[in-house]
Amino acid sequence: MKLILIRHADPDYAIDSLTQKGWREAEILSERIIRMDVREFYISPLGRAKDTASITLKKLGRTAIELPWLREFHAPVIDEKTGKERLPWDFLPGEWTKIPEYYDKHRWHTVPVMKEGHVYEEALRVYNGIDEILKKHGYEREGNIYRAVNPNTDTIVLFCHFGVTCVILSHLLGISPVMLWHGFCSAPTSLTILNTEERRKGIAYFRVSSFGDISHLYAAGEPPAFSARFCETYDNWDERHD
């Protein structure tokens, strides 16, 4: 089985849709996806993900199954310094790297700021959600592996968001999502691809064959959007700092 997680195109967050560049990216992406033999499409309920998927789905004459938990991971936490809400994947490196629990797949959510933000409860919704999809398509979770009840080579595509993608990966791979949120970059319209490996009959594990792949943009001469990253050097004020 192949599981493809696609981040939405360059977003216009103010209207929960896409920028003009985002629509170009979605068009380029569609030409890649329509060549695939996709068994099922799943989609976030948010506009930017729906708009990204819309071009692909229209060309194929297909529909997608909307899943509430596939929206961008929504578990805001309170910044202890400012008292304001912030995303749980938007801590400064000088802050989160000092906390050993964030590196631990079993303890990352026990840090007070995470507990107060009910981040683990939201993560469980995502864990259960992806397990329901996989069970539907023949793979049932058993401990830290999946039982291949109906092994197959189907392709499943999820149009979603960066934060929730990292939570899905943390569950499938047994990694703290904090490490993925802060250590990986997924540009708009990027593909993260996982394949099952069934080296012993009936026992499957998901392996990442590609993370954040935007080769379709490069092939079309479209530069990647910078909305996935922060400034490469501090004195570059043309790039995102906050």
C-alpha atoms as a PDB file:
ATOM      1  CA  MET A   1       0.000   0.000   0.000  1.00  0.00           C
ATOM      2  CA  LYS A   2       1.130   3.528  -0.755  1.00  0.00           C
ATOM      3  CA  LEU A   3       0.042   6.435   1.442  1.00  0.00           C
ATOM      4  CA  ILE A   4       0.546   9.941   0.017  1.00  0.00           C
ATOM      5  CA  LEU A   5       0.168  13.007   2.252  1.00  0.00           C
ATOM      6  CA  ILE A   6      -0.071  16.264   0.278  1.00  0.00           C
ATOM      7  CA  ARG A   7       0.278  19.680   1.843  1.00  0.00           C
ATOM      8  CA  HIS A   8      -2.014  22.358   0.409  1.00  0.00           C
ATOM      9  CA  ALA A   9      -0.669  24.903  -2.072  1.00  0.00           C
ATOM     10  CA  ASP A  10       0.644  28.365  -1.138  1.00  0.00           C
ATOM     11  CA  PRO A  11      -2.014  29.640   1.279  1.00  0.00           C
ATOM     12  CA  ASP A  12      -3.901  32.848   1.695  1.00  0.00           C
ATOM     13  CA  TYR A  13      -4.702  32.289   5.363  1.00  0.00           C
ATOM     14  CA  ALA A  14      -6.870  35.412   5.626  1.00  0.00           C
ATOM     15  CA  ILE A  15      -9.520  33.867   3.367  1.00  0.00           C
ATOM     16  CA  ASP A  16      -8.562  30.212   3.911  1.00  0.00           C
ATOM     17  CA  SER A  17      -7.839  29.740   0.236  1.00  0.00           C
ATOM     18  CA  LEU A  18      -4.839  30.028  -2.069  1.00  0.00           C
ATOM     19  CA  THR A  19      -2.714  32.851  -3.380  1.00  0.00           C
ATOM     20  CA  GLN A  20      -2.352  33.308  -7.147  1.00  0.00           C
ATOM     21  CA  LYS A  21       0.906  31.400  -6.847  1.00  0.00           C
ATOM     22  CA  GLY A  22      -0.937  28.705  -4.896  1.00  0.00           C
ATOM     23  CA  TRP A  23      -3.420  28.192  -7.729  1.00  0.00           C
ATOM     24  CA  ARG A  24      -0.510  27.800 -10.160  1.00  0.00           C
ATOM     25  CA  GLU A  25       1.062  25.268  -7.815  1.00  0.00           C
ATOM     26  CA  ALA A  26      -2.209  23.335  -7.515  1.00  0.00           C
ATOM     27  CA  GLU A  27      -2.486  23.156 -11.289  1.00  0.00           C
ATOM     28  CA  ILE A  28       1.062  21.823 -11.600  1.00  0.00           C
ATOM     29  CA  LEU A  29       0.426  19.334  -8.806  1.00  0.00           C
ATOM     30  CA  SER A  30      -2.715  18.061 -10.513  1.00  0.00           C
ATOM     31  CA  GLU A  31      -0.747  17.018 -13.582  1.00  0.00           C
ATOM     32  CA  ARG A  32       1.342  14.782 -11.362  1.00  0.00           C
ATOM     33  CA  ILE A  33      -1.523  13.251  -9.412  1.00  0.00           C
ATOM     34  CA  ILE A  34      -3.845  12.516 -12.350  1.00  0.00           C
ATOM     35  CA  ARG A  35      -1.230  10.125 -13.704  1.00  0.00           C
ATOM     36  CA  MET A  36      -1.512   7.993 -10.580  1.00  0.00           C
ATOM     37  CA  ASP A  37      -3.930   5.147 -10.044  1.00  0.00           C
ATOM     38  CA  VAL A  38      -5.498   6.422  -6.824  1.00  0.00           C
ATOM     39  CA  ARG A  39      -7.906   4.157  -4.970  1.00  0.00           C
ATOM     40  CA  GLU A  40      -9.307   6.826  -2.650  1.00  0.00           C
ATOM     41  CA  PHE A  41      -8.931  10.534  -1.971  1.00  0.00           C
ATOM     42  CA  TYR A  42      -9.339  12.041   1.508  1.00  0.00           C
ATOM     43  CA  ILE A  43      -9.441  15.738   2.263  1.00  0.00           C
ATOM     44  CA  SER A  44      -9.257  18.263   5.075  1.00  0.00           C
ATOM     45  CA  PRO A  45     -12.378  20.403   5.647  1.00  0.00           C
ATOM     46  CA  LEU A  46     -10.337  23.615   5.359  1.00  0.00           C
ATOM     47  CA  GLY A  47     -10.598  25.742   2.241  1.00  0.00           C
ATOM     48  CA  ARG A  48      -6.927  25.814   1.312  1.00  0.00           C
ATOM     49  CA  ALA A  49      -6.761  22.016   1.197  1.00  0.00           C
ATOM     50  CA  LYS A  50     -10.080  21.726  -0.653  1.00  0.00           C
ATOM     51  CA  ASP A  51      -9.008  24.295  -3.240  1.00  0.00           C
ATOM     52  CA  THR A  52      -5.701  22.518  -3.768  1.00  0.00           C
ATOM     53  CA  ALA A  53      -7.474  19.212  -4.351  1.00  0.00           C
ATOM     54  CA  SER A  54     -10.250  20.689  -6.476  1.00  0.00           C
ATOM     55  CA  ILE A  55      -8.236  20.905  -9.699  1.00  0.00           C
ATOM     56  CA  THR A  56      -7.061  17.295  -9.470  1.00  0.00           C
ATOM     57  CA  LEU A  57     -10.509  16.006  -8.571  1.00  0.00           C
ATOM     58  CA  LYS A  58     -12.189  17.964 -11.366  1.00  0.00           C
ATOM     59  CA  LYS A  59      -9.787  16.608 -13.981  1.00  0.00           C
ATOM     60  CA  LEU A  60     -10.386  13.065 -12.784  1.00  0.00           C
ATOM     61  CA  GLY A  61     -14.123  13.439 -12.245  1.00  0.00           C
ATOM     62  CA  ARG A  62     -13.609  12.194  -8.712  1.00  0.00           C
ATOM     63  CA  THR A  63     -14.693  13.230  -5.230  1.00  0.00           C
ATOM     64  CA  ALA A  64     -12.838  13.112  -1.920  1.00  0.00           C
ATOM     65  CA  ILE A  65     -13.973  11.962   1.498  1.00  0.00           C
ATOM     66  CA  GLU A  66     -13.854  14.886   3.941  1.00  0.00           C
ATOM     67  CA  LEU A  67     -12.509  14.078   7.398  1.00  0.00           C
ATOM     68  CA  PRO A  68     -12.750  16.625  10.268  1.00  0.00           C
ATOM     69  CA  TRP A  69      -9.578  15.369  12.005  1.00  0.00           C
ATOM     70  CA  LEU A  70      -7.566  15.907   8.811  1.00  0.00           C
ATOM     71  CA  ARG A  71      -7.823  19.687   9.217  1.00  0.00           C
ATOM     72  CA  GLU A  72      -4.684  21.499  10.302  1.00  0.00           C
ATOM     73  CA  PHE A  73      -3.686  20.224  13.732  1.00  0.00           C
ATOM     74  CA  HIS A  74      -5.641  22.427  16.114  1.00  0.00           C
ATOM     75  CA  ALA A  75      -4.321  22.457  19.656  1.00  0.00           C
ATOM     76  CA  PRO A  76      -3.092  25.971  20.466  1.00  0.00           C
ATOM     77  CA  VAL A  77      -0.884  26.401  23.516  1.00  0.00           C
ATOM     78  CA  ILE A  78      -0.208  29.461  25.638  1.00  0.00           C
ATOM     79  CA  ASP A  79       3.191  31.085  25.325  1.00  0.00           C
ATOM     80  CA  GLU A  80       4.537  31.302  28.862  1.00  0.00           C
ATOM     81  CA  LYS A  81       6.405  34.534  28.080  1.00  0.00           C
ATOM     82  CA  THR A  82       3.725  36.464  26.209  1.00  0.00           C
ATOM     83  CA  GLY A  83       0.538  34.825  27.478  1.00  0.00           C
ATOM     84  CA  LYS A  84      -0.682  34.585  23.886  1.00  0.00           C
ATOM     85  CA  GLU A  85      -1.741  31.523  21.919  1.00  0.00           C
ATOM     86  CA  ARG A  86       0.747  29.907  19.575  1.00  0.00           C
ATOM     87  CA  LEU A  87       1.036  26.748  17.532  1.00  0.00           C
ATOM     88  CA  PRO A  88       2.665  23.779  19.270  1.00  0.00           C
ATOM     89  CA  TRP A  89       5.134  23.497  16.374  1.00  0.00           C
ATOM     90  CA  ASP A  90       6.199  27.116  16.479  1.00  0.00           C
ATOM     91  CA  PHE A  91       8.612  27.270  19.423  1.00  0.00           C
ATOM     92  CA  LEU A  92      12.023  28.857  19.033  1.00  0.00           C
ATOM     93  CA  PRO A  93      14.920  26.381  18.900  1.00  0.00           C
ATOM     94  CA  GLY A  94      16.507  28.022  21.914  1.00  0.00           C
ATOM     95  CA  GLU A  95      13.405  27.116  23.920  1.00  0.00           C
ATOM     96  CA  TRP A  96      12.188  23.642  22.971  1.00  0.00           C
ATOM     97  CA  THR A  97      15.641  22.054  22.561  1.00  0.00           C
ATOM     98  CA  LYS A  98      16.302  22.542  26.295  1.00  0.00           C
ATOM     99  CA  ILE A  99      13.446  20.204  27.247  1.00  0.00           C
ATOM    100  CA  PRO A 100      14.401  16.493  27.113  1.00  0.00           C
ATOM    101  CA  GLU A 101      10.772  15.342  27.091  1.00  0.00           C
ATOM    102  CA  TYR A 102      10.224  16.805  23.635  1.00  0.00           C
ATOM    103  CA  TYR A 103      12.678  14.276  22.211  1.00  0.00           C
ATOM    104  CA  ASP A 104      10.822  11.339  23.768  1.00  0.00           C
ATOM    105  CA  LYS A 105       7.946   9.716  21.868  1.00  0.00           C
ATOM    106  CA  HIS A 106       6.309   8.731  25.167  1.00  0.00           C
ATOM    107  CA  ARG A 107       6.806  11.960  27.129  1.00  0.00           C
ATOM    108  CA  TRP A 108       6.613  14.856  24.642  1.00  0.00           C
ATOM    109  CA  HIS A 109       3.031  15.626  25.665  1.00  0.00           C
ATOM    110  CA  THR A 110       3.757  15.620  29.418  1.00  0.00           C
ATOM    111  CA  VAL A 111       5.439  19.042  29.326  1.00  0.00           C
ATOM    112  CA  PRO A 112       3.098  21.461  31.193  1.00  0.00           C
ATOM    113  CA  VAL A 113       2.476  23.746  28.229  1.00  0.00           C
ATOM    114  CA  MET A 114       1.409  20.756  26.141  1.00  0.00           C
ATOM    115  CA  LYS A 115      -0.795  19.323  28.883  1.00  0.00           C
ATOM    116  CA  GLU A 116      -2.551  22.627  29.439  1.00  0.00           C
ATOM    117  CA  GLY A 117      -3.175  22.947  25.697  1.00  0.00           C
ATOM    118  CA  HIS A 118      -4.706  19.456  25.490  1.00  0.00           C
ATOM    119  CA  VAL A 119      -2.319  18.674  22.660  1.00  0.00           C
ATOM    120  CA  TYR A 120      -2.243  14.950  23.327  1.00  0.00           C
ATOM    121  CA  GLU A 121      -6.031  14.691  23.185  1.00  0.00           C
ATOM    122  CA  GLU A 122      -5.957  16.231  19.723  1.00  0.00           C
ATOM    123  CA  ALA A 123      -3.090  13.954  18.708  1.00  0.00           C
ATOM    124  CA  LEU A 124      -5.155  10.934  19.730  1.00  0.00           C
ATOM    125  CA  ARG A 125      -7.914  12.065  17.357  1.00  0.00           C
ATOM    126  CA  VAL A 126      -5.385  12.050  14.539  1.00  0.00           C
ATOM    127  CA  TYR A 127      -3.883   8.705  15.586  1.00  0.00           C
ATOM    128  CA  ASN A 128      -7.315   7.099  15.685  1.00  0.00           C
ATOM    129  CA  GLY A 129      -8.325   8.774  12.434  1.00  0.00           C
ATOM    130  CA  ILE A 130      -5.402   7.494  10.396  1.00  0.00           C
ATOM    131  CA  ASP A 131      -5.795   4.025  11.924  1.00  0.00           C
ATOM    132  CA  GLU A 132      -9.434   3.975  10.818  1.00  0.00           C
ATOM    133  CA  ILE A 133      -8.400   4.793   7.241  1.00  0.00           C
ATOM    134  CA  LEU A 134      -5.702   2.129   7.236  1.00  0.00           C
ATOM    135  CA  LYS A 135      -8.082  -0.458   8.683  1.00  0.00           C
ATOM    136  CA  LYS A 136     -10.588   0.360   5.953  1.00  0.00           C
ATOM    137  CA  HIS A 137      -7.882  -0.327   3.384  1.00  0.00           C
ATOM    138  CA  GLY A 138      -6.665  -3.576   4.879  1.00  0.00           C
ATOM    139  CA  TYR A 139      -4.138  -2.711   7.595  1.00  0.00           C
ATOM    140  CA  GLU A 140      -5.024  -2.977  11.289  1.00  0.00           C
ATOM    141  CA  ARG A 141      -2.764  -1.558  13.979  1.00  0.00           C
ATOM    142  CA  GLU A 142      -1.368  -4.060  16.461  1.00  0.00           C
ATOM    143  CA  GLY A 143       1.102  -2.581  18.922  1.00  0.00           C
ATOM    144  CA  ASN A 144       3.682  -0.682  16.890  1.00  0.00           C
ATOM    145  CA  ILE A 145       3.080  -2.516  13.604  1.00  0.00           C
ATOM    146  CA  TYR A 146       0.134  -3.164  11.314  1.00  0.00           C
ATOM    147  CA  ARG A 147      -1.495  -6.476  10.654  1.00  0.00           C
ATOM    148  CA  ALA A 148      -1.855  -6.923   6.896  1.00  0.00           C
ATOM    149  CA  VAL A 149      -5.389  -8.294   6.903  1.00  0.00           C
ATOM    150  CA  ASN A 150      -5.871  -7.485   3.233  1.00  0.00           C
ATOM    151  CA  PRO A 151      -2.409  -6.647   1.843  1.00  0.00           C
ATOM    152  CA  ASN A 152      -2.515  -4.599  -1.332  1.00  0.00           C
ATOM    153  CA  THR A 153      -0.697  -2.126  -3.551  1.00  0.00           C
ATOM    154  CA  ASP A 154      -3.441   0.523  -3.526  1.00  0.00           C
ATOM    155  CA  THR A 155      -2.559   4.229  -3.501  1.00  0.00           C
ATOM    156  CA  ILE A 156      -4.366   6.447  -0.978  1.00  0.00           C
ATOM    157  CA  VAL A 157      -4.046  10.251  -1.175  1.00  0.00           C
ATOM    158  CA  LEU A 158      -4.703  12.702   1.679  1.00  0.00           C
ATOM    159  CA  PHE A 159      -4.860  16.443   0.951  1.00  0.00           C
ATOM    160  CA  CYS A 160      -4.064  18.107   4.256  1.00  0.00           C
ATOM    161  CA  HIS A 161      -1.540  20.272   6.145  1.00  0.00           C
ATOM    162  CA  PHE A 162       1.984  20.292   7.558  1.00  0.00           C
ATOM    163  CA  GLY A 163       1.163  20.053  11.264  1.00  0.00           C
ATOM    164  CA  VAL A 164      -1.240  17.147  10.970  1.00  0.00           C
ATOM    165  CA  THR A 165       1.090  15.354   8.549  1.00  0.00           C
ATOM    166  CA  CYS A 166       3.785  15.364  11.217  1.00  0.00           C
ATOM    167  CA  VAL A 167       1.362  13.943  13.780  1.00  0.00           C
ATOM    168  CA  ILE A 168       0.399  11.157  11.371  1.00  0.00           C
ATOM    169  CA  LEU A 169       4.068  10.360  10.778  1.00  0.00           C
ATOM    170  CA  SER A 170       4.790  10.388  14.506  1.00  0.00           C
ATOM    171  CA  HIS A 171       2.145   7.691  14.970  1.00  0.00           C
ATOM    172  CA  LEU A 172       3.198   5.527  12.045  1.00  0.00           C
ATOM    173  CA  LEU A 173       6.914   5.732  12.807  1.00  0.00           C
ATOM    174  CA  GLY A 174       6.994   6.032  16.612  1.00  0.00           C
ATOM    175  CA  ILE A 175       8.646   9.465  16.740  1.00  0.00           C
ATOM    176  CA  SER A 176       7.881  12.503  18.885  1.00  0.00           C
ATOM    177  CA  PRO A 177       5.900  14.933  16.687  1.00  0.00           C
ATOM    178  CA  VAL A 178       7.877  17.802  18.207  1.00  0.00           C
ATOM    179  CA  MET A 179      10.958  16.548  16.382  1.00  0.00           C
ATOM    180  CA  LEU A 180       9.061  16.401  13.107  1.00  0.00           C
ATOM    181  CA  TRP A 181       7.330  19.754  13.564  1.00  0.00           C
ATOM    182  CA  HIS A 182      10.609  21.566  14.167  1.00  0.00           C
ATOM    183  CA  GLY A 183      13.103  19.486  12.224  1.00  0.00           C
ATOM    184  CA  PHE A 184      11.346  18.923   8.908  1.00  0.00           C
ATOM    185  CA  CYS A 185      10.128  21.271   6.205  1.00  0.00           C
ATOM    186  CA  SER A 186       7.179  20.542   3.935  1.00  0.00           C
ATOM    187  CA  ALA A 187       6.671  23.170   1.247  1.00  0.00           C
ATOM    188  CA  PRO A 188       3.239  23.848  -0.281  1.00  0.00           C
ATOM    189  CA  THR A 189       2.027  21.047  -2.622  1.00  0.00           C
ATOM    190  CA  SER A 190       4.786  18.762  -1.379  1.00  0.00           C
ATOM    191  CA  LEU A 191       4.234  15.010  -1.303  1.00  0.00           C
ATOM    192  CA  THR A 192       5.206  12.807   1.613  1.00  0.00           C
ATOM    193  CA  ILE A 193       5.038   9.176   0.535  1.00  0.00           C
ATOM    194  CA  LEU A 194       5.015   6.046   2.670  1.00  0.00           C
ATOM    195  CA  ASN A 195       4.947   2.457   1.494  1.00  0.00           C
ATOM    196  CA  THR A 196       4.128  -0.638   3.474  1.00  0.00           C
ATOM    197  CA  GLU A 197       6.798  -3.301   3.845  1.00  0.00           C
ATOM    198  CA  GLU A 198       5.603  -6.826   4.584  1.00  0.00           C
ATOM    199  CA  ARG A 199       8.852  -8.714   5.140  1.00  0.00           C
ATOM    200  CA  ARG A 200       7.013 -11.361   7.137  1.00  0.00           C
ATOM    201  CA  LYS A 201       3.593 -12.502   5.969  1.00  0.00           C
ATOM    202  CA  GLY A 202       0.836 -10.529   7.641  1.00  0.00           C
ATOM    203  CA  ILE A 203       3.140  -8.037   9.411  1.00  0.00           C
ATOM    204  CA  ALA A 204       3.472  -4.584   7.850  1.00  0.00           C
ATOM    205  CA  TYR A 205       5.372  -1.429   8.688  1.00  0.00           C
ATOM    206  CA  PHE A 206       5.243   1.959   6.969  1.00  0.00           C
ATOM    207  CA  ARG A 207       8.491   3.332   5.567  1.00  0.00           C
ATOM    208  CA  VAL A 208       8.915   6.882   4.240  1.00  0.00           C
ATOM    209  CA  SER A 209      10.197   6.823   0.684  1.00  0.00           C
ATOM    210  CA  SER A 210       9.895  10.570   0.210  1.00  0.00           C
ATOM    211  CA  PHE A 211       9.292  13.577   2.465  1.00  0.00           C
ATOM    212  CA  GLY A 212       8.282  17.008   1.184  1.00  0.00           C
ATOM    213  CA  ASP A 213       8.836  16.161  -2.489  1.00  0.00           C
ATOM    214  CA  ILE A 214       8.253  19.163  -4.767  1.00  0.00           C
ATOM    215  CA  SER A 215       9.923  17.814  -7.895  1.00  0.00           C
ATOM    216  CA  HIS A 216       6.771  18.647  -9.885  1.00  0.00           C
ATOM    217  CA  LEU A 217       7.309  22.351  -9.137  1.00  0.00           C
ATOM    218  CA  TYR A 218      10.958  22.259 -10.182  1.00  0.00           C
ATOM    219  CA  ALA A 219      10.063  20.386 -13.370  1.00  0.00           C
ATOM    220  CA  ALA A 220       7.544  23.110 -14.243  1.00  0.00           C
ATOM    221  CA  GLY A 221       9.944  25.946 -13.429  1.00  0.00           C
ATOM    222  CA  GLU A 222       7.840  27.102 -10.463  1.00  0.00           C
ATOM    223  CA  PRO A 223       9.927  28.073  -7.416  1.00  0.00           C
ATOM    224  CA  PRO A 224       8.753  26.652  -4.093  1.00  0.00           C
ATOM    225  CA  ALA A 225       6.855  28.957  -1.766  1.00  0.00           C
ATOM    226  CA  PHE A 226       8.760  30.126   1.302  1.00  0.00           C
ATOM    227  CA  SER A 227       5.787  29.720   3.631  1.00  0.00           C
ATOM    228  CA  ALA A 228       7.195  26.459   4.968  1.00  0.00           C
ATOM    229  CA  ARG A 229      10.412  27.979   6.288  1.00  0.00           C
ATOM    230  CA  PHE A 230      11.943  30.734   8.378  1.00  0.00           C
ATOM    231  CA  CYS A 231      14.862  33.035   7.596  1.00  0.00           C
ATOM    232  CA  GLU A 232      18.017  31.242   6.509  1.00  0.00           C
ATOM    233  CA  THR A 233      20.147  33.933   8.097  1.00  0.00           C
ATOM    234  CA  TYR A 234      18.933  36.362  10.752  1.00  0.00           C
ATOM    235  CA  ASP A 235      19.868  39.486   8.780  1.00  0.00           C
ATOM    236  CA  ASN A 236      17.715  38.455   5.819  1.00  0.00           C
ATOM    237  CA  TRP A 237      14.592  40.477   6.568  1.00  0.00           C
ATOM    238  CA  ASP A 238      12.974  39.525   3.266  1.00  0.00           C
ATOM    239  CA  GLU A 239      12.386  36.050   4.731  1.00  0.00           C
ATOM    240  CA  ARG A 240      10.018  35.062   7.528  1.00  0.00           C
ATOM    241  CA  HIS A 241      11.300  35.584  11.104  1.00  0.00           C
ATOM    242  CA  ASP A 242       8.237  35.186  13.368  1.00  0.00           C
END
